[in-house]
Amino acid sequence: MLFNSLEFLVFFPSVLLLYFLLRPNLRWILLLAASYYFYMAWKPEYILLIMLSTVIDYYCGLKMGSIAEKKKRLPYLYLSLFSNLGILFTFKYFGFFNDSLQSVVEYFGATYHGPTFDLILPMGISFYTFQTLSYSIDIYKGDLKPEKHFGIFALFVTFFPQLVAGPIERAKSLLPQFHKEHPFDIDKIKSGLRLMLWGMFKKVVVADRLAFLVDAVYNNPTEYGGFSLILATVFFAFQIYCDFSGYSDIAIGAARILGFDLMINFRTPYYSKSVSEFWKRWHISLSTWFRDYVYIPMGGNRVIKWRWYYNLIITFLVSGLWHGANWTFVMWGALHGFYLVCSIWTAAYRQKFNTLIGLKPGSLWMKTVDIAIVFTLVCFAWIFFRANSISDAFYIIGHMGTGVGADLFAIWDSISQLQLSVEITTASGAGLGLNLWQFILAVSGIVFMCTTEYLISLPTIKHRYYGLPVVVKWAIYYVLIYSILFFRSFESSEFIYFQF
């Protein structure tokens, strides 16, 4: 995997050097070649799937763009939808639906032997499929003119910084940037490098270390008590955030160095005061995609109330299924849909209750309570997202309150011995996958990351940062660089969202 080796440290600077040496009208060729190489470094033959989607959508886009009447564009939209979703279904969902159908049939005492395919899921297929689908849909609706330059369109589909895990860019935003000249801009380069550095810190220092404890507990949940299950769930919330937002920061930063602006994908989501706000801060490129191409076309909130609830539930069920061919992801999506419906349904009652107990809207106490509630709800849903099966998820939920005291005491006793190199153990004797030193680094990384991102989100603090002396800024950069070099997890894993 390119991002898990030193190859990327050679790959990106090499592309960057050649990029600024080439004439502006030839740079798209380099970027396209680099994007194809980047993807083929994983599995060369699967580049054919991307090429197939590129050719089909380029053709459909040109045909729809040449037809004035919207209704007559439908056959080409269907061709784009069926071909792209057909490839996605075959490689990602066929086995899931086949197994589910077999279970249903056998439940009623019948026999079913459907076809089976042993296919490897193409890396990032959900991301580039949704990106190119939005292009076709926008042209069909008349919101976008088709791209006539095949090479530029192919680059839009495969642009390597965001090819395998987003952000999922819109053609209206990204395509015009490929037609512009991007001169050497030192400010953009510095900004991009800072973002890449911060993303790498979140990934290799925080996320990869948290993964040890999370994997140890979630891969064998029956061996752990309640406190360990709670701790692993909270750690996973920060693991997946640091892992995915870390990749997004690296992708956005790399693109910015080249002169391109990608959309922000995360805005401190765990400081959200409602589930609705959480989805305006988490994986923004995907949530806005589902809003524009699924939720709003179904009627959004411009319908009667029960239909509004239905639209929300369906949107989040599809969102859950997008993440993976497993009932755990469907349950995760259903939970978030349920949260939003309950939020709408109980809004008036919650307001009356808060007034009754004296909680003032906008007060610090009210904000803290709301953030804590939303974080708890999100963590509860993460159980289904991370669990290996539905049965594991329900086991974890059912045993979170079991033996909490004994488990906590055993873990604290293990920590209090101050043996830095000894693995922390639970009441059952099972190890948590981290020794005391690694545990301290994990918790410190979470606290540092949360504090830093909160402060950066404040306009006054951000303004003061830019006014800091150069020496102070470089001191901060060196702290991050040395943290990555000396405190990184030496057993790094691939980015979680590569599997989607």
Protein backbone atom coordinates (compact mmCIF):
# COMPACT_ATOMS: atom_id res chain seq x y z
CA MET A 1 0.00 0.00 0.00
CA LEU A 2 1.51 3.29 -1.10
CA PHE A 3 0.54 5.20 2.03
CA ASN A 4 1.95 2.50 4.32
CA SER A 5 5.48 2.62 2.92
CA LEU A 6 8.29 5.05 2.28
CA GLU A 7 7.30 5.02 -1.39
CA PHE A 8 4.97 7.98 -0.84
CA LEU A 9 7.87 10.05 0.51
CA VAL A 10 9.53 9.57 -2.88
CA PHE A 11 6.37 9.52 -5.01
CA PHE A 12 4.80 12.83 -4.02
CA PRO A 13 7.96 15.03 -4.02
CA SER A 14 8.91 13.55 -7.40
CA VAL A 15 5.50 14.40 -8.85
CA LEU A 16 5.67 17.86 -7.28
CA LEU A 17 9.11 18.61 -8.77
CA LEU A 18 8.13 17.50 -12.27
CA TYR A 19 4.79 19.30 -11.95
CA PHE A 20 6.35 22.75 -11.53
CA LEU A 21 9.04 22.06 -14.13
CA LEU A 22 6.50 21.18 -16.83
CA ARG A 23 4.67 23.71 -18.93
CA PRO A 24 1.18 24.41 -17.45
CA ASN A 25 -0.65 22.96 -20.48
CA LEU A 26 1.16 19.62 -20.02
CA ARG A 27 0.74 19.20 -16.28
CA TRP A 28 -2.53 17.31 -16.58
CA ILE A 29 -0.65 14.51 -18.36
CA LEU A 30 1.75 14.13 -15.43
CA LEU A 31 -1.08 14.21 -12.89
CA LEU A 32 -3.08 11.61 -14.82
CA ALA A 33 -0.06 9.31 -15.16
CA ALA A 34 0.75 9.77 -11.46
CA SER A 35 -2.88 9.03 -10.51
CA TYR A 36 -2.92 5.81 -12.53
CA TYR A 37 0.42 4.74 -11.08
CA PHE A 38 -0.78 5.59 -7.57
CA TYR A 39 -3.79 3.29 -7.94
CA MET A 40 -1.94 0.55 -9.81
CA ALA A 41 0.63 0.35 -6.98
CA TRP A 42 -2.15 -1.48 -5.10
CA LYS A 43 -3.54 -3.86 -7.77
CA PRO A 44 -2.70 -3.02 -11.41
CA GLU A 45 -5.55 -4.87 -13.14
CA TYR A 46 -8.26 -2.98 -11.24
CA ILE A 47 -7.34 0.22 -13.05
CA LEU A 48 -9.44 -1.24 -15.89
CA LEU A 49 -12.57 -0.70 -13.79
CA ILE A 50 -11.77 2.98 -13.36
CA MET A 51 -11.04 3.30 -17.08
CA LEU A 52 -14.35 1.63 -17.92
CA SER A 53 -16.29 4.03 -15.66
CA THR A 54 -14.36 6.95 -17.15
CA VAL A 55 -15.16 6.03 -20.76
CA ILE A 56 -18.85 5.35 -20.06
CA ASP A 57 -19.43 8.55 -18.09
CA TYR A 58 -17.46 10.67 -20.56
CA TYR A 59 -19.61 9.33 -23.40
CA CYS A 60 -22.87 9.69 -21.46
CA GLY A 61 -21.95 13.22 -20.42
CA LEU A 62 -21.27 14.31 -24.00
CA LYS A 63 -24.52 12.75 -25.25
CA MET A 64 -26.63 14.32 -22.50
CA GLY A 65 -24.95 17.67 -23.06
CA SER A 66 -25.96 17.60 -26.72
CA ILE A 67 -29.65 16.98 -25.94
CA ALA A 68 -31.77 19.99 -25.03
CA GLU A 69 -34.83 18.10 -23.79
CA LYS A 70 -34.28 16.69 -20.29
CA LYS A 71 -36.50 13.66 -20.80
CA LYS A 72 -34.46 12.48 -23.78
CA ARG A 73 -31.30 12.47 -21.65
CA LEU A 74 -32.69 9.71 -19.44
CA PRO A 75 -31.32 6.72 -21.42
CA TYR A 76 -27.76 8.03 -21.04
CA LEU A 77 -28.27 8.77 -17.35
CA TYR A 78 -29.56 5.20 -16.88
CA LEU A 79 -26.53 3.86 -18.76
CA SER A 80 -24.21 5.74 -16.42
CA LEU A 81 -26.13 4.71 -13.30
CA PHE A 82 -26.55 1.05 -14.21
CA SER A 83 -22.96 0.58 -15.37
CA ASN A 84 -21.34 2.27 -12.36
CA LEU A 85 -23.72 0.88 -9.75
CA GLY A 86 -23.57 -2.52 -11.47
CA ILE A 87 -19.78 -2.64 -11.07
CA LEU A 88 -20.10 -1.46 -7.48
CA PHE A 89 -22.78 -4.07 -6.71
CA THR A 90 -20.82 -6.92 -8.31
CA PHE A 91 -17.61 -6.27 -6.41
CA LYS A 92 -18.96 -4.95 -3.12
CA TYR A 93 -22.51 -6.17 -2.52
CA PHE A 94 -23.18 -9.33 -4.51
CA GLY A 95 -21.80 -11.65 -1.84
CA PHE A 96 -23.72 -9.83 0.91
CA PHE A 97 -27.07 -10.01 -0.88
CA ASN A 98 -26.42 -13.58 -1.99
CA ASP A 99 -25.68 -14.71 1.57
CA SER A 100 -28.66 -12.78 2.94
CA LEU A 101 -30.99 -14.37 0.37
CA GLN A 102 -29.63 -17.80 1.21
CA SER A 103 -30.27 -17.22 4.93
CA VAL A 104 -33.85 -16.11 4.28
CA VAL A 105 -34.57 -19.06 1.99
CA GLU A 106 -33.08 -21.57 4.42
CA TYR A 107 -35.06 -20.03 7.27
CA PHE A 108 -38.22 -21.15 5.49
CA GLY A 109 -36.83 -24.65 5.01
CA ALA A 110 -35.94 -24.34 1.33
CA THR A 111 -32.59 -24.79 -0.40
CA TYR A 112 -30.75 -22.10 -2.30
CA HIS A 113 -27.42 -22.40 -4.06
CA GLY A 114 -26.64 -19.10 -5.72
CA PRO A 115 -23.53 -18.29 -7.74
CA THR A 116 -20.44 -17.28 -5.79
CA PHE A 117 -17.57 -15.05 -6.85
CA ASP A 118 -14.28 -14.71 -5.02
CA LEU A 119 -13.62 -11.04 -5.78
CA ILE A 120 -11.30 -8.60 -4.04
CA LEU A 121 -13.00 -5.29 -3.29
CA PRO A 122 -11.37 -2.56 -5.42
CA MET A 123 -9.80 0.07 -3.20
CA GLY A 124 -11.80 3.30 -3.02
CA ILE A 125 -14.50 2.06 -5.45
CA SER A 126 -17.32 3.72 -3.49
CA PHE A 127 -15.53 7.06 -3.55
CA TYR A 128 -14.71 7.34 -7.24
CA THR A 129 -18.05 5.78 -8.22
CA PHE A 130 -20.00 8.44 -6.33
CA GLN A 131 -17.76 11.19 -7.68
CA THR A 132 -18.34 10.24 -11.30
CA LEU A 133 -22.06 9.57 -10.72
CA SER A 134 -22.55 13.11 -9.44
CA TYR A 135 -21.02 14.33 -12.71
CA SER A 136 -23.59 12.43 -14.80
CA ILE A 137 -26.52 13.45 -12.60
CA ASP A 138 -25.54 17.13 -12.67
CA ILE A 139 -25.35 17.10 -16.47
CA TYR A 140 -28.73 15.36 -16.68
CA LYS A 141 -30.30 18.04 -14.45
CA GLY A 142 -28.72 20.79 -16.55
CA ASP A 143 -26.56 22.05 -13.68
CA LEU A 144 -23.28 21.27 -15.45
CA LYS A 145 -21.82 21.37 -18.95
CA PRO A 146 -20.02 18.18 -20.03
CA GLU A 147 -16.23 18.11 -20.05
CA LYS A 148 -15.06 17.74 -23.65
CA HIS A 149 -11.40 17.07 -22.90
CA PHE A 150 -11.17 13.32 -22.24
CA GLY A 151 -7.81 13.57 -20.45
CA ILE A 152 -9.07 16.24 -18.06
CA PHE A 153 -12.19 14.21 -17.34
CA ALA A 154 -10.09 11.11 -16.68
CA LEU A 155 -8.01 13.18 -14.26
CA PHE A 156 -11.18 14.33 -12.48
CA VAL A 157 -12.14 10.69 -11.90
CA THR A 158 -8.68 9.57 -10.73
CA PHE A 159 -6.99 12.62 -9.13
CA PHE A 160 -4.59 10.78 -6.83
CA PRO A 161 -4.75 12.86 -3.59
CA GLN A 162 -8.44 12.03 -3.11
CA LEU A 163 -8.87 8.96 -5.31
CA VAL A 164 -9.08 6.21 -2.71
CA ALA A 165 -10.75 7.88 0.29
CA GLY A 166 -12.10 11.25 -0.74
CA PRO A 167 -13.13 13.94 -0.21
CA ILE A 168 -15.79 13.15 -2.83
CA GLU A 169 -15.45 16.20 -5.04
CA ARG A 170 -18.11 17.72 -7.29
CA ALA A 171 -17.33 18.30 -10.95
CA LYS A 172 -18.51 21.92 -10.68
CA SER A 173 -15.74 22.59 -8.18
CA LEU A 174 -12.84 20.41 -9.33
CA LEU A 175 -13.07 20.27 -13.15
CA PRO A 176 -12.58 24.04 -13.72
CA GLN A 177 -9.40 23.89 -11.60
CA PHE A 178 -7.79 21.48 -14.07
CA HIS A 179 -8.16 24.11 -16.80
CA LYS A 180 -6.39 26.82 -14.82
CA GLU A 181 -2.70 27.49 -14.48
CA HIS A 182 -1.34 26.90 -11.01
CA PRO A 183 1.87 28.89 -10.51
CA PHE A 184 4.32 28.15 -7.74
CA ASP A 185 2.61 29.58 -4.65
CA ILE A 186 4.74 29.47 -1.50
CA ASP A 187 1.78 30.30 0.76
CA LYS A 188 -0.27 27.39 -0.58
CA ILE A 189 2.73 25.09 -0.30
CA LYS A 190 3.32 26.03 3.34
CA SER A 191 -0.38 25.67 4.14
CA GLY A 192 -0.53 22.28 2.40
CA LEU A 193 2.58 21.01 4.20
CA ARG A 194 1.13 22.05 7.57
CA LEU A 195 -2.08 20.20 6.81
CA MET A 196 -0.23 17.07 5.67
CA LEU A 197 1.94 17.17 8.80
CA TRP A 198 -1.11 17.44 11.05
CA GLY A 199 -2.89 14.64 9.18
CA MET A 200 0.14 12.38 9.49
CA PHE A 201 0.32 13.10 13.23
CA LYS A 202 -3.32 12.14 13.71
CA LYS A 203 -2.86 8.94 11.72
CA VAL A 204 0.45 7.45 12.89
CA VAL A 205 0.70 8.88 16.41
CA VAL A 206 -2.93 8.71 17.56
CA ALA A 207 -5.06 6.45 15.36
CA ASP A 208 -2.58 3.61 14.82
CA ARG A 209 -1.82 3.39 18.54
CA LEU A 210 -5.49 3.37 19.54
CA ALA A 211 -6.00 0.54 17.07
CA PHE A 212 -4.07 -1.89 19.30
CA LEU A 213 -6.56 -1.64 22.17
CA VAL A 214 -9.61 -1.41 19.92
CA ASP A 215 -8.61 -4.48 17.89
CA ALA A 216 -7.74 -6.49 20.99
CA VAL A 217 -11.15 -5.89 22.57
CA TYR A 218 -13.43 -5.88 19.53
CA ASN A 219 -11.88 -8.99 17.98
CA ASN A 220 -12.50 -10.98 21.20
CA PRO A 221 -15.26 -9.14 23.11
CA THR A 222 -16.23 -12.15 25.26
CA GLU A 223 -12.85 -11.98 27.03
CA TYR A 224 -13.40 -8.46 28.38
CA GLY A 225 -15.50 -6.79 31.05
CA GLY A 226 -17.69 -3.73 30.89
CA PHE A 227 -15.10 -1.02 31.43
CA SER A 228 -12.81 -2.47 28.73
CA LEU A 229 -15.72 -2.54 26.28
CA ILE A 230 -16.58 1.09 27.07
CA LEU A 231 -12.94 2.16 26.82
CA ALA A 232 -12.47 0.39 23.47
CA THR A 233 -15.63 2.02 22.10
CA VAL A 234 -14.50 5.52 23.10
CA PHE A 235 -11.02 4.82 21.73
CA PHE A 236 -12.54 3.66 18.44
CA ALA A 237 -14.47 6.93 18.15
CA PHE A 238 -11.16 8.79 18.21
CA GLN A 239 -9.33 6.16 16.16
CA ILE A 240 -11.72 6.39 13.22
CA TYR A 241 -11.81 10.18 13.43
CA CYS A 242 -8.01 10.57 13.51
CA ASP A 243 -7.59 7.91 10.83
CA PHE A 244 -10.13 9.29 8.36
CA SER A 245 -9.72 13.01 9.02
CA GLY A 246 -5.96 12.41 8.98
CA TYR A 247 -6.22 11.00 5.47
CA SER A 248 -8.47 13.89 4.42
CA ASP A 249 -5.94 16.40 5.76
CA ILE A 250 -3.13 14.67 3.85
CA ALA A 251 -5.22 14.58 0.65
CA ILE A 252 -6.33 18.22 0.92
CA GLY A 253 -2.80 19.30 1.82
CA ALA A 254 -1.20 17.42 -1.09
CA ALA A 255 -3.72 18.91 -3.52
CA ARG A 256 -3.18 22.38 -2.09
CA ILE A 257 0.58 22.14 -2.64
CA LEU A 258 -0.17 21.38 -6.29
CA GLY A 259 -2.46 24.42 -6.39
CA PHE A 260 -5.86 22.70 -6.11
CA ASP A 261 -8.53 23.37 -3.50
CA LEU A 262 -10.48 20.35 -2.20
CA MET A 263 -13.46 20.67 0.09
CA ILE A 264 -13.01 20.42 3.86
CA ASN A 265 -14.25 17.02 5.01
CA PHE A 266 -14.29 17.41 8.81
CA ARG A 267 -14.97 20.28 11.21
CA THR A 268 -14.42 19.11 14.82
CA PRO A 269 -17.44 16.75 14.72
CA TYR A 270 -17.19 15.62 18.35
CA TYR A 271 -17.98 19.15 19.50
CA SER A 272 -21.42 18.91 17.87
CA LYS A 273 -24.42 19.83 20.01
CA SER A 274 -26.90 17.77 17.98
CA VAL A 275 -26.81 14.73 15.72
CA SER A 276 -27.88 16.94 12.83
CA GLU A 277 -24.90 19.20 13.51
CA PHE A 278 -22.64 16.15 13.72
CA TRP A 279 -23.52 15.25 10.12
CA LYS A 280 -22.70 18.79 9.03
CA ARG A 281 -19.22 18.29 10.50
CA TRP A 282 -18.46 14.60 9.80
CA HIS A 283 -17.48 13.30 6.32
CA ILE A 284 -19.01 16.42 4.85
CA SER A 285 -18.39 15.42 1.23
CA LEU A 286 -20.43 12.22 1.66
CA SER A 287 -23.21 13.68 3.81
CA THR A 288 -23.76 16.51 1.32
CA TRP A 289 -23.68 13.96 -1.54
CA PHE A 290 -26.51 11.98 0.03
CA ARG A 291 -28.36 15.20 0.83
CA ASP A 292 -28.22 16.42 -2.79
CA TYR A 293 -28.68 13.13 -4.66
CA VAL A 294 -30.83 10.99 -2.35
CA TYR A 295 -32.54 12.99 0.41
CA ILE A 296 -33.65 16.07 -1.54
CA PRO A 297 -34.82 14.12 -4.65
CA MET A 298 -37.07 12.07 -2.35
CA GLY A 299 -38.64 15.28 -1.08
CA GLY A 300 -36.34 16.14 1.82
CA ASN A 301 -38.25 18.00 4.53
CA ARG A 302 -40.69 19.61 2.06
CA VAL A 303 -43.24 16.83 2.61
CA ILE A 304 -45.68 15.69 5.29
CA LYS A 305 -44.05 14.68 8.55
CA TRP A 306 -44.18 10.88 8.22
CA ARG A 307 -42.67 11.13 4.74
CA TRP A 308 -39.95 13.38 6.11
CA TYR A 309 -39.07 10.70 8.66
CA TYR A 310 -39.11 8.08 5.92
CA ASN A 311 -36.72 10.15 3.77
CA LEU A 312 -34.28 10.49 6.67
CA ILE A 313 -34.34 6.79 7.53
CA ILE A 314 -33.87 5.68 3.91
CA THR A 315 -31.03 8.14 3.37
CA PHE A 316 -29.13 6.85 6.39
CA LEU A 317 -29.83 3.21 5.58
CA VAL A 318 -28.28 3.77 2.16
CA SER A 319 -25.42 5.66 3.80
CA GLY A 320 -24.80 2.70 6.10
CA LEU A 321 -24.83 0.28 3.19
CA TRP A 322 -22.42 2.55 1.29
CA HIS A 323 -19.88 1.96 4.04
CA GLY A 324 -19.88 -1.79 3.75
CA ALA A 325 -21.70 -4.96 2.76
CA ASN A 326 -22.60 -6.01 6.27
CA TRP A 327 -25.67 -5.71 8.49
CA THR A 328 -23.51 -3.94 11.07
CA PHE A 329 -23.18 -0.94 8.76
CA VAL A 330 -26.89 -0.99 7.97
CA MET A 331 -27.65 -0.91 11.71
CA TRP A 332 -25.19 1.94 12.15
CA GLY A 333 -26.97 3.95 9.45
CA ALA A 334 -30.40 3.06 10.83
CA LEU A 335 -29.38 4.29 14.28
CA HIS A 336 -28.34 7.68 12.96
CA GLY A 337 -31.57 7.95 11.01
CA PHE A 338 -33.47 7.03 14.19
CA TYR A 339 -31.53 9.66 16.16
CA LEU A 340 -32.53 12.38 13.71
CA VAL A 341 -36.19 11.35 13.65
CA CYS A 342 -36.31 11.29 17.46
CA SER A 343 -34.56 14.66 17.57
CA ILE A 344 -37.26 16.21 15.38
CA TRP A 345 -40.10 14.45 17.19
CA THR A 346 -38.95 15.38 20.70
CA ALA A 347 -37.71 18.92 20.00
CA ALA A 348 -40.64 20.69 21.69
CA TYR A 349 -40.65 18.30 24.67
CA ARG A 350 -36.91 18.72 25.23
CA GLN A 351 -37.24 22.49 25.11
CA LYS A 352 -39.97 22.42 27.78
CA PHE A 353 -37.94 20.05 29.95
CA ASN A 354 -34.82 22.23 29.73
CA THR A 355 -36.88 25.29 30.71
CA LEU A 356 -38.39 23.37 33.61
CA ILE A 357 -35.01 22.42 35.09
CA GLY A 358 -33.49 25.82 34.38
CA LEU A 359 -31.13 24.98 31.52
CA LYS A 360 -30.73 28.13 29.44
CA PRO A 361 -30.20 27.68 25.67
CA GLY A 362 -26.70 28.72 24.65
CA SER A 363 -25.26 28.54 28.17
CA LEU A 364 -21.93 26.80 28.72
CA TRP A 365 -23.59 24.13 30.85
CA MET A 366 -26.22 23.48 28.17
CA LYS A 367 -23.58 23.23 25.44
CA THR A 368 -21.53 20.82 27.55
CA VAL A 369 -24.54 18.61 28.22
CA ASP A 370 -25.53 18.58 24.55
CA ILE A 371 -21.99 17.72 23.42
CA ALA A 372 -21.79 14.89 25.97
CA ILE A 373 -25.15 13.45 24.89
CA VAL A 374 -24.33 13.60 21.18
CA PHE A 375 -20.90 12.05 21.73
CA THR A 376 -22.48 9.21 23.73
CA LEU A 377 -25.06 8.55 21.01
CA VAL A 378 -22.40 8.60 18.29
CA CYS A 379 -20.19 6.21 20.30
CA PHE A 380 -23.13 3.85 20.77
CA ALA A 381 -23.64 3.76 17.01
CA TRP A 382 -19.91 3.20 16.46
CA ILE A 383 -20.29 -0.15 18.24
CA PHE A 384 -22.17 -1.53 15.23
CA PHE A 385 -19.75 0.12 12.80
CA ARG A 386 -16.71 -1.54 14.41
CA ALA A 387 -18.14 -4.88 15.57
CA ASN A 388 -17.29 -7.88 13.41
CA SER A 389 -20.90 -9.05 13.44
CA ILE A 390 -24.36 -8.10 14.69
CA SER A 391 -24.09 -10.73 17.43
CA ASP A 392 -20.78 -9.22 18.61
CA ALA A 393 -22.35 -5.76 18.67
CA PHE A 394 -25.27 -6.90 20.82
CA TYR A 395 -22.92 -8.82 23.09
CA ILE A 396 -20.84 -5.67 23.64
CA ILE A 397 -23.95 -3.57 24.33
CA GLY A 398 -25.34 -6.20 26.70
CA HIS A 399 -22.12 -6.51 28.69
CA MET A 400 -21.02 -2.87 28.96
CA GLY A 401 -22.50 -2.70 32.44
CA THR A 402 -21.12 -6.07 33.55
CA GLY A 403 -18.20 -6.13 35.94
CA VAL A 404 -17.34 -2.48 35.36
CA GLY A 405 -15.95 -2.02 38.86
CA ALA A 406 -13.79 -5.15 38.83
CA ASP A 407 -12.54 -4.42 35.33
CA LEU A 408 -11.73 -0.80 36.18
CA PHE A 409 -9.96 -1.83 39.39
CA ALA A 410 -7.84 -4.45 37.57
CA ILE A 411 -6.86 -2.00 34.84
CA TRP A 412 -6.03 0.70 37.39
CA ASP A 413 -4.02 -1.78 39.43
CA SER A 414 -2.08 -2.74 36.29
CA ILE A 415 -1.44 0.94 35.51
CA SER A 416 -0.50 1.90 39.06
CA GLN A 417 2.39 -0.58 39.08
CA LEU A 418 4.17 1.93 36.80
CA GLN A 419 5.78 -0.80 34.72
CA LEU A 420 6.03 1.03 31.42
CA SER A 421 6.82 -1.99 29.26
CA VAL A 422 4.23 -4.39 30.75
CA GLU A 423 0.92 -4.84 28.96
CA ILE A 424 -2.14 -3.54 30.80
CA THR A 425 -4.48 -6.39 31.79
CA THR A 426 -8.14 -6.63 32.77
CA ALA A 427 -10.00 -8.50 35.53
CA SER A 428 -10.22 -11.57 33.29
CA GLY A 429 -6.48 -11.47 32.69
CA ALA A 430 -6.88 -10.48 29.04
CA GLY A 431 -4.42 -7.92 27.74
CA LEU A 432 -5.55 -4.59 26.33
CA GLY A 433 -2.91 -4.60 23.60
CA LEU A 434 -1.07 -1.59 25.10
CA ASN A 435 1.56 -1.24 27.78
CA LEU A 436 1.50 1.70 30.20
CA TRP A 437 3.79 3.87 28.05
CA GLN A 438 1.68 3.28 24.94
CA PHE A 439 -1.52 3.94 26.93
CA ILE A 440 -0.16 7.27 28.18
CA LEU A 441 0.81 8.24 24.62
CA ALA A 442 -2.65 7.24 23.34
CA VAL A 443 -4.53 9.31 25.92
CA SER A 444 -2.10 12.23 25.59
CA GLY A 445 -2.51 12.13 21.80
CA ILE A 446 -6.30 12.32 22.11
CA VAL A 447 -6.15 15.24 24.55
CA PHE A 448 -3.58 17.12 22.45
CA MET A 449 -5.50 16.54 19.20
CA CYS A 450 -8.87 17.60 20.65
CA THR A 451 -7.43 20.70 22.33
CA THR A 452 -5.49 21.76 19.26
CA GLU A 453 -8.39 21.35 16.83
CA TYR A 454 -10.76 23.17 19.18
CA LEU A 455 -8.38 26.10 19.53
CA ILE A 456 -7.73 26.23 15.78
CA SER A 457 -11.51 26.34 15.18
CA LEU A 458 -11.70 29.60 17.16
CA PRO A 459 -11.19 32.58 14.78
CA THR A 460 -9.32 34.64 17.40
CA ILE A 461 -6.85 31.84 18.18
CA LYS A 462 -6.35 31.07 14.49
CA HIS A 463 -5.62 34.74 13.80
CA ARG A 464 -3.11 34.85 16.66
CA TYR A 465 -1.34 31.75 15.32
CA TYR A 466 -0.60 33.47 12.01
CA GLY A 467 0.85 36.37 13.97
CA LEU A 468 3.28 34.19 15.93
CA PRO A 469 7.04 34.68 15.38
CA VAL A 470 8.63 32.33 12.85
CA VAL A 471 10.72 30.72 15.60
CA VAL A 472 7.62 29.75 17.57
CA LYS A 473 5.91 28.33 14.47
CA TRP A 474 8.94 26.22 13.61
CA ALA A 475 9.11 25.00 17.20
CA ILE A 476 5.54 23.72 16.78
CA TYR A 477 6.42 22.06 13.48
CA TYR A 478 9.46 20.36 15.01
CA VAL A 479 7.36 19.05 17.91
CA LEU A 480 4.96 17.45 15.41
CA ILE A 481 7.77 16.07 13.24
CA TYR A 482 9.62 14.55 16.19
CA SER A 483 6.34 13.18 17.57
CA ILE A 484 5.75 11.41 14.25
CA LEU A 485 9.32 10.09 14.14
CA PHE A 486 9.63 8.94 17.76
CA PHE A 487 6.08 8.40 19.04
CA ARG A 488 4.49 6.87 15.96
CA SER A 489 3.16 3.35 16.07
CA PHE A 490 5.71 1.13 14.36
CA GLU A 491 2.99 -1.33 13.33
CA SER A 492 1.02 1.12 11.21
CA SER A 493 -2.12 -0.04 9.46
CA GLU A 494 -3.79 1.09 6.27
CA PHE A 495 -6.38 3.82 6.43
CA ILE A 496 -9.75 2.47 7.61
CA TYR A 497 -11.71 4.06 4.77
CA PHE A 498 -9.57 2.37 2.09
CA GLN A 499 -11.89 -0.62 2.53
CA PHE A 500 -14.89 1.42 1.40
